[in-house]
Amino acid sequence: MLTFRNYNIADWFSFYRVAAAPVLLVLIWYEQREIFSWLLLASYFTDAIDGFLARKLKITSPRGSQLDSFGDQITLVIGVLGLLQFERDFMLKNLILILIVFIPYIIQMIIAYLKYGKATAFHTYLAKLSAILQSIFILWAIFFSPD
């Protein structure tokens, strides 16, 4: 049974990212760049804090890890969609470099789905560094318009 008590604070931060995705899509659709930018920043902030809280409070779990990974994937996709909407010229001009950065991530996700039927949930330092760099790139491009 799905009840509030079955989930911890770190899980709720991950749920926020999943729940924010449709709102962010609507903001993209209606070209609400500023609101989108701030809500995307909030999503990345919850991504940064959920794992820390889970470890600090000793409430890590396989479910939490999967929720976090799912929230991460959705947030990344929404961020890229936001870039395509709000910085289309920049994205097209730098398409090769952007593909070089994102294709390894996409390939490993496809392989994981084919092999395991679900996304991978690697929580290594390299995966964290990659997520940090991707989020910085996306947020910088959306907040500061690189062109």
Protein backbone atom coordinates (compact mmCIF):
# COMPACT_ATOMS: atom_id res chain seq x y z
CA MET A 1 0.00 0.00 0.00
CA LEU A 2 1.29 3.45 -0.89
CA THR A 3 1.35 5.61 2.22
CA PHE A 4 3.26 8.70 3.23
CA ARG A 5 5.13 6.80 5.95
CA ASN A 6 6.58 4.29 3.50
CA TYR A 7 8.84 6.97 2.04
CA ASN A 8 11.61 9.00 3.60
CA ILE A 9 12.70 12.60 3.05
CA ALA A 10 15.27 11.64 0.40
CA ASP A 11 12.58 9.74 -1.54
CA TRP A 12 10.34 12.80 -1.47
CA PHE A 13 13.09 14.94 -2.99
CA SER A 14 13.30 12.39 -5.82
CA PHE A 15 9.50 12.42 -6.15
CA TYR A 16 9.68 16.20 -6.53
CA ARG A 17 11.86 15.83 -9.63
CA VAL A 18 9.45 13.34 -11.16
CA ALA A 19 6.41 15.50 -10.31
CA ALA A 20 8.12 18.68 -11.56
CA ALA A 21 8.74 17.19 -15.02
CA PRO A 22 5.22 17.79 -16.43
CA VAL A 23 5.20 21.32 -15.00
CA LEU A 24 8.56 21.99 -16.64
CA LEU A 25 7.24 20.63 -19.94
CA VAL A 26 4.28 23.02 -19.77
CA LEU A 27 6.68 25.89 -19.09
CA ILE A 28 8.72 24.89 -22.14
CA TRP A 29 5.54 24.70 -24.24
CA TYR A 30 4.45 28.19 -23.17
CA GLU A 31 8.01 29.54 -23.48
CA GLN A 32 8.23 30.59 -19.85
CA ARG A 33 12.03 30.58 -19.77
CA GLU A 34 12.57 32.37 -16.45
CA ILE A 35 10.17 30.23 -14.42
CA PHE A 36 11.47 27.11 -16.17
CA SER A 37 15.05 28.07 -15.30
CA TRP A 38 14.32 28.49 -11.60
CA LEU A 39 12.28 25.29 -11.31
CA LEU A 40 14.97 23.36 -13.17
CA LEU A 41 17.53 24.78 -10.73
CA ALA A 42 15.31 23.57 -7.86
CA SER A 43 15.20 20.12 -9.46
CA TYR A 44 18.98 19.98 -9.71
CA PHE A 45 19.24 21.19 -6.11
CA THR A 46 16.98 18.35 -4.90
CA ASP A 47 19.15 15.97 -6.90
CA ALA A 48 22.22 17.24 -5.08
CA ILE A 49 20.65 16.99 -1.64
CA ASP A 50 18.66 13.73 -1.72
CA GLY A 51 21.65 11.39 -1.78
CA PHE A 52 23.47 13.42 0.85
CA LEU A 53 20.44 13.26 3.15
CA ALA A 54 19.98 9.54 2.58
CA ARG A 55 23.60 8.83 3.53
CA LYS A 56 23.67 11.31 6.44
CA LEU A 57 20.42 9.98 7.93
CA LYS A 58 21.35 6.36 7.10
CA ILE A 59 18.18 5.82 5.08
CA THR A 60 19.69 4.59 1.81
CA SER A 61 17.76 1.88 0.01
CA PRO A 62 17.59 0.19 -3.39
CA ARG A 63 14.19 1.82 -3.91
CA GLY A 64 15.64 5.25 -3.13
CA SER A 65 18.52 4.63 -5.50
CA GLN A 66 16.13 3.71 -8.32
CA LEU A 67 13.88 6.69 -7.58
CA ASP A 68 16.90 8.99 -7.61
CA SER A 69 18.12 7.59 -10.92
CA PHE A 70 14.66 7.90 -12.48
CA GLY A 71 14.40 11.49 -11.28
CA ASP A 72 17.90 12.19 -12.64
CA GLN A 73 17.02 10.83 -16.08
CA ILE A 74 13.79 12.80 -16.30
CA THR A 75 15.51 15.99 -15.16
CA LEU A 76 18.28 15.56 -17.73
CA VAL A 77 15.79 14.99 -20.56
CA ILE A 78 13.71 18.01 -19.49
CA GLY A 79 16.85 20.14 -19.27
CA VAL A 80 17.91 19.15 -22.79
CA LEU A 81 14.39 19.82 -24.10
CA GLY A 82 14.55 23.24 -22.45
CA LEU A 83 17.87 23.91 -24.17
CA LEU A 84 16.40 22.88 -27.51
CA GLN A 85 13.48 25.26 -27.00
CA PHE A 86 15.25 28.25 -25.49
CA GLU A 87 18.71 27.98 -27.09
CA ARG A 88 18.00 26.27 -30.40
CA ASP A 89 20.63 28.19 -32.40
CA PHE A 90 23.33 27.47 -29.81
CA MET A 91 22.39 23.78 -29.75
CA LEU A 92 22.46 23.47 -33.53
CA LYS A 93 25.72 25.38 -33.85
CA ASN A 94 27.40 23.08 -31.28
CA LEU A 95 25.53 19.88 -32.07
CA ILE A 96 28.62 17.72 -32.63
CA LEU A 97 30.18 18.66 -29.30
CA ILE A 98 26.89 18.23 -27.47
CA LEU A 99 26.38 14.79 -29.02
CA ILE A 100 29.90 13.77 -27.99
CA VAL A 101 29.01 14.65 -24.41
CA PHE A 102 25.55 13.06 -24.28
CA ILE A 103 25.83 10.00 -26.56
CA PRO A 104 27.85 7.86 -24.08
CA TYR A 105 25.14 8.46 -21.47
CA ILE A 106 22.39 7.57 -23.94
CA ILE A 107 24.22 4.43 -25.10
CA GLN A 108 24.73 3.14 -21.57
CA MET A 109 21.04 3.76 -20.81
CA ILE A 110 19.95 1.84 -23.92
CA ILE A 111 22.27 -1.05 -23.07
CA ALA A 112 20.93 -1.14 -19.50
CA TYR A 113 17.32 -1.23 -20.70
CA LEU A 114 18.10 -3.99 -23.21
CA LYS A 115 20.12 -6.07 -20.76
CA TYR A 116 18.31 -5.48 -17.45
CA GLY A 117 14.95 -4.04 -18.46
CA LYS A 118 15.57 -0.94 -16.35
CA ALA A 119 17.90 2.01 -16.06
CA THR A 120 21.22 1.67 -14.34
CA ALA A 121 21.66 3.30 -10.97
CA PHE A 122 25.37 3.95 -10.80
CA HIS A 123 26.15 6.24 -7.90
CA THR A 124 29.88 6.47 -8.41
CA TYR A 125 32.04 9.55 -8.13
CA LEU A 126 32.43 9.62 -11.92
CA ALA A 127 28.65 9.45 -12.42
CA LYS A 128 28.20 12.25 -9.89
CA LEU A 129 30.85 14.38 -11.60
CA SER A 130 29.17 13.77 -14.96
CA ALA A 131 25.76 14.79 -13.56
CA ILE A 132 27.23 17.92 -11.98
CA LEU A 133 28.92 18.97 -15.23
CA GLN A 134 25.79 18.29 -17.28
CA SER A 135 23.62 20.29 -14.89
CA ILE A 136 26.09 23.19 -14.82
CA PHE A 137 26.17 23.24 -18.62
CA ILE A 138 22.38 23.16 -18.95
CA LEU A 139 21.73 25.75 -16.25
CA TRP A 140 24.48 28.07 -17.50
CA ALA A 141 23.13 27.91 -21.05
CA ILE A 142 19.55 28.54 -19.94
CA PHE A 143 20.28 31.27 -17.39
CA PHE A 144 22.99 33.13 -19.29
CA SER A 145 22.13 32.54 -22.97
CA PRO A 146 25.53 31.57 -24.44
CA ASP A 147 25.03 33.24 -27.84
